[in-house]
């Protein structure tokens, strides 16, 4: 099974979504900072 979205595209989409502060922290922690790094590229 292969992913439909690439990892970079996934985090780009996720960074555009409105997340609760705790969910943003959780996702950013488990992605090793990918969520915040994609938000910085906007």
N, C-alpha and C. Protein backbone atom coordinates (compact mmCIF):
# COMPACT_ATOMS: atom_id res chain seq x y z
N UNK A 1 0.85 -1.17 0.00
CA UNK A 1 0.00 0.00 0.00
C UNK A 1 0.90 1.25 0.00
N UNK A 2 0.67 2.14 -0.91
CA UNK A 2 1.47 3.37 -0.96
C UNK A 2 0.59 4.58 -0.65
N UNK A 3 1.18 5.61 -0.04
CA UNK A 3 0.39 6.79 0.30
C UNK A 3 -0.09 7.54 -0.95
N UNK A 4 -1.27 8.10 -0.86
CA UNK A 4 -1.84 8.86 -1.97
C UNK A 4 -1.17 10.24 -2.04
N UNK A 5 -1.00 10.87 -0.90
CA UNK A 5 -0.33 12.16 -0.82
C UNK A 5 1.11 11.95 -0.39
N UNK A 6 1.99 12.76 -0.90
CA UNK A 6 3.35 12.74 -0.39
C UNK A 6 3.39 13.35 1.00
N UNK A 7 4.45 13.07 1.74
CA UNK A 7 4.55 13.57 3.10
C UNK A 7 4.55 15.10 3.13
N UNK A 8 5.28 15.72 2.22
CA UNK A 8 5.35 17.19 2.19
C UNK A 8 3.97 17.79 1.91
N UNK A 9 3.24 17.22 0.97
CA UNK A 9 1.90 17.72 0.63
C UNK A 9 0.95 17.55 1.81
N UNK A 10 1.06 16.40 2.51
CA UNK A 10 0.21 16.17 3.67
C UNK A 10 0.41 17.26 4.71
N UNK A 11 1.68 17.56 5.05
CA UNK A 11 1.94 18.56 6.09
C UNK A 11 1.60 19.96 5.61
N UNK A 12 1.67 20.20 4.32
CA UNK A 12 1.26 21.49 3.76
C UNK A 12 -0.25 21.69 3.98
N UNK A 13 -1.02 20.67 3.68
CA UNK A 13 -2.47 20.73 3.88
C UNK A 13 -2.80 20.83 5.37
N UNK A 14 -2.14 20.03 6.19
CA UNK A 14 -2.41 20.03 7.63
C UNK A 14 -2.09 21.39 8.25
N UNK A 15 -1.06 22.06 7.75
CA UNK A 15 -0.68 23.35 8.33
C UNK A 15 -1.70 24.45 8.01
N UNK A 16 -2.54 24.22 6.99
CA UNK A 16 -3.54 25.21 6.61
C UNK A 16 -4.85 25.04 7.39
N UNK A 17 -4.99 23.90 8.07
CA UNK A 17 -6.23 23.62 8.80
C UNK A 17 -6.22 24.29 10.16
N UNK A 18 -7.42 24.65 10.62
CA UNK A 18 -7.55 25.23 11.95
C UNK A 18 -7.53 24.07 12.95
N UNK A 19 -6.54 24.09 13.83
CA UNK A 19 -6.38 23.03 14.83
C UNK A 19 -6.41 23.65 16.22
N UNK A 20 -6.89 22.87 17.18
CA UNK A 20 -6.82 23.34 18.56
C UNK A 20 -5.34 23.39 18.95
N UNK A 21 -4.99 24.23 19.91
CA UNK A 21 -3.59 24.32 20.32
C UNK A 21 -3.00 22.97 20.74
N UNK A 22 -3.78 22.16 21.44
CA UNK A 22 -3.26 20.85 21.88
C UNK A 22 -3.07 19.91 20.69
N UNK A 23 -3.97 19.94 19.71
CA UNK A 23 -3.82 19.08 18.52
C UNK A 23 -2.63 19.54 17.69
N UNK A 24 -2.43 20.85 17.54
CA UNK A 24 -1.28 21.38 16.80
C UNK A 24 0.02 20.94 17.46
N UNK A 25 0.08 21.04 18.80
CA UNK A 25 1.27 20.63 19.53
C UNK A 25 1.52 19.13 19.35
N UNK A 26 0.47 18.32 19.45
CA UNK A 26 0.58 16.87 19.28
C UNK A 26 1.10 16.51 17.89
N UNK A 27 0.48 17.08 16.86
CA UNK A 27 0.89 16.77 15.48
C UNK A 27 2.30 17.26 15.20
N UNK A 28 2.64 18.43 15.69
CA UNK A 28 3.98 18.97 15.46
C UNK A 28 5.04 18.13 16.16
N UNK A 29 4.73 17.68 17.38
CA UNK A 29 5.67 16.85 18.12
C UNK A 29 5.94 15.54 17.36
N UNK A 30 4.88 14.88 16.93
CA UNK A 30 5.02 13.59 16.27
C UNK A 30 5.54 13.69 14.84
N UNK A 31 5.49 14.88 14.27
CA UNK A 31 6.04 15.06 12.92
C UNK A 31 7.45 15.63 12.96
N UNK A 32 8.00 15.78 14.17
CA UNK A 32 9.35 16.34 14.35
C UNK A 32 9.46 17.74 13.76
N UNK A 33 8.40 18.55 13.94
CA UNK A 33 8.43 19.94 13.51
C UNK A 33 7.94 20.20 12.09
N UNK A 34 7.46 19.17 11.40
CA UNK A 34 7.00 19.36 10.01
C UNK A 34 5.82 20.31 9.92
N UNK A 35 4.94 20.27 10.88
CA UNK A 35 3.75 21.12 10.83
C UNK A 35 4.13 22.59 10.87
N UNK A 36 4.99 22.97 11.81
CA UNK A 36 5.42 24.36 11.91
C UNK A 36 6.28 24.78 10.73
N UNK A 37 7.11 23.87 10.22
CA UNK A 37 7.97 24.25 9.10
C UNK A 37 7.14 24.51 7.85
N UNK A 38 6.04 23.82 7.65
CA UNK A 38 5.17 24.07 6.50
C UNK A 38 4.41 25.37 6.69
N UNK A 39 4.02 25.68 7.91
CA UNK A 39 3.31 26.93 8.18
C UNK A 39 4.21 28.12 7.93
N UNK A 40 5.51 27.97 8.19
CA UNK A 40 6.48 29.04 7.97
C UNK A 40 6.68 29.33 6.49
N UNK A 41 6.43 28.35 5.61
CA UNK A 41 6.66 28.51 4.18
C UNK A 41 5.53 29.22 3.47
N UNK A 42 4.43 29.48 4.14
CA UNK A 42 3.27 30.13 3.50
C UNK A 42 3.62 31.52 3.02
